[in-house]
Amino acid sequence: MSITAFPLCRQQKLLHGIANVLRSKQGETATLFWRETAKGLLQQLVANGIDLAAAEEEVRNLLYAVLAEIEADAVSAKG
């Protein structure tokens, strides 16, 4: 039996929260925040029964979604 979780990248509250924090940070501070967040999410997914490879993919997809949101907001702010 396999466990299917609701994708992290579709959890709007999580996505917006991370994007908001990253918008306010730069450089090493932003990197450290993301690493700690990703580590915690990865541990939580694995503890909930998601295999490591799938959990890593979930966290990676969340990062892509967060970066896309930040970029879209920057583009709309310019236009």
N, C-alpha and C. Protein backbone atom coordinates (compact mmCIF):
# COMPACT_ATOMS: atom_id res chain seq x y z
N MET A 1 0.84 -1.18 0.00
CA MET A 1 0.00 0.00 0.00
C MET A 1 0.89 1.25 0.00
N SER A 2 0.55 2.21 -0.83
CA SER A 2 1.32 3.45 -0.87
C SER A 2 0.48 4.60 -0.35
N ILE A 3 1.15 5.58 0.18
CA ILE A 3 0.49 6.76 0.73
C ILE A 3 0.63 7.90 -0.27
N THR A 4 -0.47 8.55 -0.56
CA THR A 4 -0.43 9.70 -1.45
C THR A 4 -0.79 10.93 -0.64
N ALA A 5 0.09 11.90 -0.63
CA ALA A 5 -0.14 13.13 0.13
C ALA A 5 -0.59 14.22 -0.82
N PHE A 6 -1.33 15.18 -0.27
CA PHE A 6 -1.69 16.36 -1.06
C PHE A 6 -0.40 17.09 -1.35
N PRO A 7 -0.12 17.38 -2.62
CA PRO A 7 1.18 17.98 -2.98
C PRO A 7 1.46 19.28 -2.22
N LEU A 8 2.67 19.41 -1.74
CA LEU A 8 3.07 20.62 -1.02
C LEU A 8 2.91 21.86 -1.89
N CYS A 9 3.22 21.72 -3.17
CA CYS A 9 3.17 22.88 -4.06
C CYS A 9 1.74 23.36 -4.31
N ARG A 10 0.74 22.59 -3.89
CA ARG A 10 -0.66 22.98 -4.04
C ARG A 10 -1.24 23.53 -2.74
N GLN A 11 -0.47 23.49 -1.68
CA GLN A 11 -0.92 24.00 -0.39
C GLN A 11 -0.65 25.50 -0.35
N GLN A 12 -1.66 26.26 -0.74
CA GLN A 12 -1.50 27.69 -0.96
C GLN A 12 -1.02 28.45 0.27
N LYS A 13 -1.52 28.11 1.44
CA LYS A 13 -1.10 28.81 2.65
C LYS A 13 0.40 28.61 2.89
N LEU A 14 0.86 27.39 2.73
CA LEU A 14 2.29 27.07 2.89
C LEU A 14 3.11 27.80 1.83
N LEU A 15 2.68 27.71 0.59
CA LEU A 15 3.38 28.33 -0.52
C LEU A 15 3.50 29.84 -0.33
N HIS A 16 2.38 30.50 -0.03
CA HIS A 16 2.39 31.96 0.15
C HIS A 16 3.23 32.36 1.36
N GLY A 17 3.15 31.59 2.43
CA GLY A 17 3.91 31.90 3.63
C GLY A 17 5.41 31.85 3.39
N ILE A 18 5.86 30.82 2.71
CA ILE A 18 7.29 30.70 2.41
C ILE A 18 7.72 31.81 1.45
N ALA A 19 6.91 32.08 0.43
CA ALA A 19 7.24 33.13 -0.53
C ALA A 19 7.34 34.48 0.17
N ASN A 20 6.42 34.76 1.07
CA ASN A 20 6.45 36.04 1.79
C ASN A 20 7.72 36.20 2.62
N VAL A 21 8.12 35.14 3.29
CA VAL A 21 9.35 35.20 4.10
C VAL A 21 10.56 35.39 3.19
N LEU A 22 10.62 34.63 2.09
CA LEU A 22 11.78 34.74 1.21
C LEU A 22 11.87 36.10 0.52
N ARG A 23 10.75 36.74 0.28
CA ARG A 23 10.78 38.09 -0.30
C ARG A 23 11.47 39.08 0.63
N SER A 24 11.39 38.83 1.93
CA SER A 24 11.95 39.77 2.90
C SER A 24 13.40 39.45 3.27
N LYS A 25 13.94 38.36 2.71
CA LYS A 25 15.31 37.96 3.03
C LYS A 25 16.14 37.92 1.76
N GLN A 26 17.44 38.02 1.93
CA GLN A 26 18.35 37.95 0.78
C GLN A 26 19.59 37.15 1.16
N GLY A 27 20.25 36.65 0.15
CA GLY A 27 21.53 35.99 0.34
C GLY A 27 21.50 34.80 1.28
N GLU A 28 22.49 34.76 2.16
CA GLU A 28 22.65 33.62 3.06
C GLU A 28 21.46 33.46 4.01
N THR A 29 20.84 34.57 4.40
CA THR A 29 19.68 34.49 5.29
C THR A 29 18.53 33.76 4.61
N ALA A 30 18.29 34.08 3.34
CA ALA A 30 17.23 33.40 2.58
C ALA A 30 17.57 31.93 2.37
N THR A 31 18.83 31.66 2.06
CA THR A 31 19.26 30.28 1.85
C THR A 31 19.10 29.45 3.13
N LEU A 32 19.50 30.00 4.24
CA LEU A 32 19.36 29.31 5.52
C LEU A 32 17.90 29.04 5.84
N PHE A 33 17.05 30.05 5.63
CA PHE A 33 15.62 29.86 5.88
C PHE A 33 15.08 28.72 5.02
N TRP A 34 15.39 28.72 3.73
CA TRP A 34 14.87 27.67 2.86
C TRP A 34 15.41 26.30 3.27
N ARG A 35 16.69 26.21 3.57
CA ARG A 35 17.26 24.91 3.96
C ARG A 35 16.58 24.35 5.20
N GLU A 36 16.37 25.19 6.19
CA GLU A 36 15.71 24.74 7.42
C GLU A 36 14.26 24.35 7.15
N THR A 37 13.58 25.12 6.33
CA THR A 37 12.19 24.82 5.99
C THR A 37 12.11 23.51 5.22
N ALA A 38 12.97 23.35 4.23
CA ALA A 38 12.98 22.14 3.42
C ALA A 38 13.31 20.91 4.27
N LYS A 39 14.27 21.05 5.16
CA LYS A 39 14.66 19.94 6.03
C LYS A 39 13.48 19.51 6.90
N GLY A 40 12.79 20.49 7.49
CA GLY A 40 11.64 20.17 8.34
C GLY A 40 10.51 19.51 7.56
N LEU A 41 10.23 20.02 6.36
CA LEU A 41 9.17 19.43 5.53
C LEU A 41 9.54 18.01 5.11
N LEU A 42 10.79 17.82 4.74
CA LEU A 42 11.26 16.49 4.34
C LEU A 42 11.13 15.50 5.49
N GLN A 43 11.55 15.90 6.67
CA GLN A 43 11.43 15.03 7.84
C GLN A 43 9.98 14.70 8.13
N GLN A 44 9.10 15.69 8.01
CA GLN A 44 7.69 15.48 8.27
C GLN A 44 7.08 14.50 7.26
N LEU A 45 7.41 14.66 5.99
CA LEU A 45 6.88 13.77 4.97
C LEU A 45 7.34 12.33 5.19
N VAL A 46 8.62 12.16 5.46
CA VAL A 46 9.16 10.82 5.70
C VAL A 46 8.53 10.20 6.94
N ALA A 47 8.36 11.00 7.99
CA ALA A 47 7.73 10.49 9.22
C ALA A 47 6.28 10.07 8.96
N ASN A 48 5.65 10.69 7.97
CA ASN A 48 4.27 10.35 7.64
C ASN A 48 4.16 9.20 6.63
N GLY A 49 5.31 8.60 6.29
CA GLY A 49 5.28 7.40 5.47
C GLY A 49 5.60 7.60 4.00
N ILE A 50 5.98 8.79 3.61
CA ILE A 50 6.36 9.04 2.22
C ILE A 50 7.81 8.60 2.04
N ASP A 51 8.09 7.85 0.97
CA ASP A 51 9.48 7.42 0.79
C ASP A 51 10.36 8.63 0.48
N LEU A 52 11.62 8.51 0.76
CA LEU A 52 12.56 9.63 0.70
C LEU A 52 12.60 10.28 -0.68
N ALA A 53 12.66 9.49 -1.73
CA ALA A 53 12.74 10.06 -3.09
C ALA A 53 11.49 10.88 -3.41
N ALA A 54 10.33 10.36 -3.06
CA ALA A 54 9.09 11.09 -3.32
C ALA A 54 9.01 12.35 -2.46
N ALA A 55 9.49 12.28 -1.23
CA ALA A 55 9.49 13.43 -0.34
C ALA A 55 10.42 14.52 -0.87
N GLU A 56 11.58 14.12 -1.36
CA GLU A 56 12.51 15.09 -1.94
C GLU A 56 11.89 15.76 -3.16
N GLU A 57 11.18 14.99 -3.98
CA GLU A 57 10.52 15.55 -5.16
C GLU A 57 9.43 16.55 -4.74
N GLU A 58 8.69 16.25 -3.69
CA GLU A 58 7.66 17.16 -3.19
C GLU A 58 8.28 18.49 -2.76
N VAL A 59 9.36 18.42 -2.02
CA VAL A 59 10.03 19.63 -1.53
C VAL A 59 10.61 20.42 -2.71
N ARG A 60 11.18 19.73 -3.67
CA ARG A 60 11.73 20.39 -4.86
C ARG A 60 10.62 21.10 -5.64
N ASN A 61 9.49 20.44 -5.82
CA ASN A 61 8.37 21.05 -6.53
C ASN A 61 7.82 22.26 -5.77
N LEU A 62 7.84 22.19 -4.46
CA LEU A 62 7.41 23.34 -3.66
C LEU A 62 8.35 24.52 -3.90
N LEU A 63 9.65 24.27 -3.92
CA LEU A 63 10.61 25.34 -4.18
C LEU A 63 10.34 25.99 -5.53
N TYR A 64 10.12 25.17 -6.57
CA TYR A 64 9.83 25.72 -7.90
C TYR A 64 8.56 26.57 -7.87
N ALA A 65 7.54 26.13 -7.15
CA ALA A 65 6.29 26.89 -7.06
C ALA A 65 6.50 28.21 -6.31
N VAL A 66 7.28 28.17 -5.25
CA VAL A 66 7.58 29.40 -4.49
C VAL A 66 8.34 30.38 -5.37
N LEU A 67 9.36 29.91 -6.07
CA LEU A 67 10.14 30.79 -6.94
C LEU A 67 9.29 31.35 -8.07
N ALA A 68 8.38 30.54 -8.61
CA ALA A 68 7.49 31.02 -9.67
C ALA A 68 6.56 32.11 -9.14
N GLU A 69 6.08 31.95 -7.91
CA GLU A 69 5.21 32.97 -7.33
C GLU A 69 5.97 34.27 -7.10
N ILE A 70 7.17 34.16 -6.58
CA ILE A 70 7.99 35.37 -6.34
C ILE A 70 8.27 36.08 -7.67
N GLU A 71 8.60 35.32 -8.69
CA GLU A 71 8.88 35.91 -9.99
C GLU A 71 7.63 36.55 -10.59
N ALA A 72 6.50 35.89 -10.50
CA ALA A 72 5.24 36.44 -11.03
C ALA A 72 4.87 37.73 -10.33
N ASP A 73 5.07 37.76 -9.03
CA ASP A 73 4.77 38.99 -8.27
C ASP A 73 5.72 40.13 -8.68
N ALA A 74 6.98 39.81 -8.92
CA ALA A 74 7.94 40.83 -9.33
C ALA A 74 7.58 41.38 -10.71
N VAL A 75 7.17 40.51 -11.60
CA VAL A 75 6.78 40.94 -12.95
C VAL A 75 5.54 41.82 -12.89
N SER A 76 4.55 41.41 -12.10
CA SER A 76 3.32 42.22 -12.01
C SER A 76 3.56 43.57 -11.32
N ALA A 77 4.53 43.61 -10.43
CA ALA A 77 4.86 44.87 -9.76
C ALA A 77 5.52 45.86 -10.73
N LYS A 78 6.25 45.34 -11.70
CA LYS A 78 6.90 46.19 -12.70
C LYS A 78 5.90 46.72 -13.72
N GLY A 79 4.88 45.91 -14.02
CA GLY A 79 3.95 46.27 -15.08
C GLY A 79 2.82 47.04 -14.60
